[in-house]
C-alpha atoms as a PDB file:
ATOM      1  CA  UNK A   1      13.073   3.237  49.980  1.00  0.00           C
ATOM      2  CA  UNK A   2      16.333   5.207  50.347  1.00  0.00           C
ATOM      3  CA  UNK A   3      15.583   8.799  48.656  1.00  0.00           C
ATOM      4  CA  UNK A   4      18.386  11.256  46.843  1.00  0.00           C
ATOM      5  CA  UNK A   5      17.308  14.664  47.542  1.00  0.00           C
ATOM      6  CA  UNK A   6      19.651  16.524  44.331  1.00  0.00           C
ATOM      7  CA  UNK A   7      19.903  18.689  46.426  1.00  0.00           C
ATOM      8  CA  UNK A   8      21.954  16.761  48.697  1.00  0.00           C
ATOM      9  CA  UNK A   9      23.905  14.468  45.631  1.00  0.00           C
ATOM     10  CA  UNK A  10      27.744  14.254  46.018  1.00  0.00           C
ATOM     11  CA  UNK A  11      29.807  15.218  43.245  1.00  0.00           C
ATOM     12  CA  UNK A  12      32.286  12.420  42.400  1.00  0.00           C
ATOM     13  CA  UNK A  13      35.478  12.745  39.863  1.00  0.00           C
ATOM     14  CA  UNK A  14      35.066  10.422  37.040  1.00  0.00           C
ATOM     15  CA  UNK A  15      38.811   8.912  35.350  1.00  0.00           C
ATOM     16  CA  UNK A  16      39.479  10.658  31.667  1.00  0.00           C
ATOM     17  CA  UNK A  17      36.890  13.601  32.133  1.00  0.00           C
ATOM     18  CA  UNK A  18      37.251  16.098  31.467  1.00  0.00           C
ATOM     19  CA  UNK A  19      34.157  19.521  31.936  1.00  0.00           C
ATOM     20  CA  UNK A  20      32.722  17.180  33.203  1.00  0.00           C
ATOM     21  CA  UNK A  21      31.380  17.540  36.768  1.00  0.00           C
ATOM     22  CA  UNK A  22      29.713  14.077  38.103  1.00  0.00           C
ATOM     23  CA  UNK A  23      26.982  14.060  40.705  1.00  0.00           C
ATOM     24  CA  UNK A  24      26.257  10.487  42.652  1.00  0.00           C
ATOM     25  CA  UNK A  25      22.265   9.584  43.035  1.00  0.00           C
ATOM     26  CA  UNK A  26      22.730   6.516  43.945  1.00  0.00           C
ATOM     27  CA  UNK A  27      24.929   3.106  45.085  1.00  0.00           C
ATOM     28  CA  UNK A  28      28.509   3.647  46.955  1.00  0.00           C
ATOM     29  CA  UNK A  29      28.197   6.177  49.330  1.00  0.00           C
ATOM     30  CA  UNK A  30      24.501   7.904  48.124  1.00  0.00           C
ATOM     31  CA  UNK A  31      22.265   4.456  49.246  1.00  0.00           C
ATOM     32  CA  UNK A  32      22.876   0.945  49.606  1.00  0.00           C
ATOM     33  CA  UNK A  33      21.580  -0.322  46.010  1.00  0.00           C
ATOM     34  CA  UNK A  34      23.786  -2.665  45.050  1.00  0.00           C
ATOM     35  CA  UNK A  35      23.127  -3.799  41.661  1.00  0.00           C
ATOM     36  CA  UNK A  36      23.704  -0.508  40.145  1.00  0.00           C
ATOM     37  CA  UNK A  37      25.336   3.291  40.270  1.00  0.00           C
ATOM     38  CA  UNK A  38      23.641   5.379  39.222  1.00  0.00           C
ATOM     39  CA  UNK A  39      25.399   9.552  38.255  1.00  0.00           C
ATOM     40  CA  UNK A  40      24.244  12.735  36.082  1.00  0.00           C
ATOM     41  CA  UNK A  41      27.102  13.756  34.626  1.00  0.00           C
ATOM     42  CA  UNK A  42      27.485  17.067  32.903  1.00  0.00           C
ATOM     43  CA  UNK A  43      29.470  17.993  30.289  1.00  0.00           C
ATOM     44  CA  UNK A  44      30.337  21.695  29.661  1.00  0.00           C
ATOM     45  CA  UNK A  45      30.858  22.824  26.046  1.00  0.00           C
ATOM     46  CA  UNK A  46      34.220  20.516  24.340  1.00  0.00           C
ATOM     47  CA  UNK A  47      33.957  18.641  27.171  1.00  0.00           C
ATOM     48  CA  UNK A  48      34.039  14.876  27.368  1.00  0.00           C
ATOM     49  CA  UNK A  49      35.923  11.491  28.660  1.00  0.00           C
ATOM     50  CA  UNK A  50      38.625   9.891  26.759  1.00  0.00           C
ATOM     51  CA  UNK A  51      38.502   7.350  24.614  1.00  0.00           C
ATOM     52  CA  UNK A  52      38.851   3.957  27.185  1.00  0.00           C
ATOM     53  CA  UNK A  53      37.582   0.452  27.775  1.00  0.00           C
ATOM     54  CA  UNK A  54      36.464  -0.784  30.345  1.00  0.00           C
ATOM     55  CA  UNK A  55      34.354  -4.540  31.494  1.00  0.00           C
ATOM     56  CA  UNK A  56      31.653  -3.292  33.007  1.00  0.00           C
ATOM     57  CA  UNK A  57      28.671  -2.738  30.762  1.00  0.00           C
ATOM     58  CA  UNK A  58      27.175   0.994  31.014  1.00  0.00           C
ATOM     59  CA  UNK A  59      24.055   2.985  30.137  1.00  0.00           C
ATOM     60  CA  UNK A  60      23.165   7.063  28.891  1.00  0.00           C
ATOM     61  CA  UNK A  61      20.629   8.456  29.036  1.00  0.00           C
ATOM     62  CA  UNK A  62      21.031  12.600  27.721  1.00  0.00           C
ATOM     63  CA  UNK A  63      18.522  14.403  29.229  1.00  0.00           C
ATOM     64  CA  UNK A  64      19.528  18.084  28.048  1.00  0.00           C
ATOM     65  CA  UNK A  65      21.390  18.696  25.095  1.00  0.00           C
ATOM     66  CA  UNK A  66      23.608  17.181  22.365  1.00  0.00           C
ATOM     67  CA  UNK A  67      26.958  14.391  23.115  1.00  0.00           C
ATOM     68  CA  UNK A  68      28.380  12.422  20.294  1.00  0.00           C
ATOM     69  CA  UNK A  69      29.951   8.848  21.541  1.00  0.00           C
ATOM     70  CA  UNK A  70      32.758   8.098  18.906  1.00  0.00           C
ATOM     71  CA  UNK A  71      33.770   3.953  19.005  1.00  0.00           C
ATOM     72  CA  UNK A  72      36.803   2.603  18.750  1.00  0.00           C
ATOM     73  CA  UNK A  73      36.481   1.596  15.387  1.00  0.00           C
ATOM     74  CA  UNK A  74      35.294   5.373  14.625  1.00  0.00           C
ATOM     75  CA  UNK A  75      31.596   4.787  14.425  1.00  0.00           C
ATOM     76  CA  UNK A  76      29.866   8.236  16.020  1.00  0.00           C
ATOM     77  CA  UNK A  77      26.893   8.522  17.130  1.00  0.00           C
ATOM     78  CA  UNK A  78      25.068  11.586  18.184  1.00  0.00           C
ATOM     79  CA  UNK A  79      22.404  11.226  20.993  1.00  0.00           C
ATOM     80  CA  UNK A  80      20.110  14.364  21.482  1.00  0.00           C
ATOM     81  CA  UNK A  81      17.046  14.546  24.573  1.00  0.00           C
ATOM     82  CA  UNK A  82      15.952  11.321  25.702  1.00  0.00           C
ATOM     83  CA  UNK A  83      18.107   9.678  23.386  1.00  0.00           C
ATOM     84  CA  UNK A  84      19.956   6.562  24.962  1.00  0.00           C
ATOM     85  CA  UNK A  85      22.697   4.055  24.018  1.00  0.00           C
ATOM     86  CA  UNK A  86      23.775   0.386  25.865  1.00  0.00           C
ATOM     87  CA  UNK A  87      27.853   0.036  25.349  1.00  0.00           C
ATOM     88  CA  UNK A  88      28.428  -3.955  26.305  1.00  0.00           C
ATOM     89  CA  UNK A  89      31.773  -4.003  29.238  1.00  0.00           C
ATOM     90  CA  UNK A  90      35.359  -3.584  26.516  1.00  0.00           C
ATOM     91  CA  UNK A  91      33.499  -1.527  24.510  1.00  0.00           C
ATOM     92  CA  UNK A  92      35.770   1.572  23.053  1.00  0.00           C
ATOM     93  CA  UNK A  93      34.015   4.437  23.559  1.00  0.00           C
ATOM     94  CA  UNK A  94      34.750   8.874  23.851  1.00  0.00           C
ATOM     95  CA  UNK A  95      32.222  10.877  24.307  1.00  0.00           C
ATOM     96  CA  UNK A  96      32.261  14.823  23.528  1.00  0.00           C
ATOM     97  CA  UNK A  97      29.619  17.996  24.202  1.00  0.00           C
ATOM     98  CA  UNK A  98      30.512  19.671  20.547  1.00  0.00           C
ATOM     99  CA  UNK A  99      28.012  22.319  21.505  1.00  0.00           C
ATOM    100  CA  UNK A 100      28.028  25.540  23.046  1.00  0.00           C
ATOM    101  CA  UNK A 101      25.730  24.554  25.238  1.00  0.00           C
ATOM    102  CA  UNK A 102      26.011  22.224  28.832  1.00  0.00           C
ATOM    103  CA  UNK A 103      24.677  18.980  28.190  1.00  0.00           C
ATOM    104  CA  UNK A 104      23.732  16.709  31.091  1.00  0.00           C
ATOM    105  CA  UNK A 105      23.677  12.506  30.986  1.00  0.00           C
ATOM    106  CA  UNK A 106      21.809   9.937  33.321  1.00  0.00           C
ATOM    107  CA  UNK A 107      24.914   7.103  33.642  1.00  0.00           C
ATOM    108  CA  UNK A 108      23.637   3.653  34.684  1.00  0.00           C
ATOM    109  CA  UNK A 109      26.220   1.193  35.545  1.00  0.00           C
ATOM    110  CA  UNK A 110      26.818  -2.163  37.571  1.00  0.00           C
ATOM    111  CA  UNK A 111      29.937  -1.883  40.445  1.00  0.00           C
ATOM    112  CA  UNK A 112      33.833  -3.075  39.350  1.00  0.00           C
ATOM    113  CA  UNK A 113      34.897  -6.499  40.488  1.00  0.00           C
ATOM    114  CA  UNK A 114      37.007  -6.537  43.447  1.00  0.00           C
ATOM    115  CA  UNK A 115      40.157  -7.344  43.143  1.00  0.00           C
ATOM    116  CA  UNK A 116      42.009 -10.687  43.313  1.00  0.00           C
END
């Protein structure tokens, strides 16, 4: 078993994210998990991630606060504490914290495919 203590979790930068602080909880340099990695994202008020798509599936779980997710077709969903969603690969999404409180979200994703 491999344990990552929250106090020792290392920060990471997520592309196209702004006013967000991410911590790696499992996978990559945090553990030898090989099927997926897990991160914890703290979105400041007004923070988020620009509209983007990825071939990777994602699971988001809101632990605190409120997160608005807008899909590529303009559909908006507001996730509150302990709400979660699955985003299939290649589905465009934008993430926003439209509140005045910090929002915290658990992110679970498979590893990217190696470059060929």
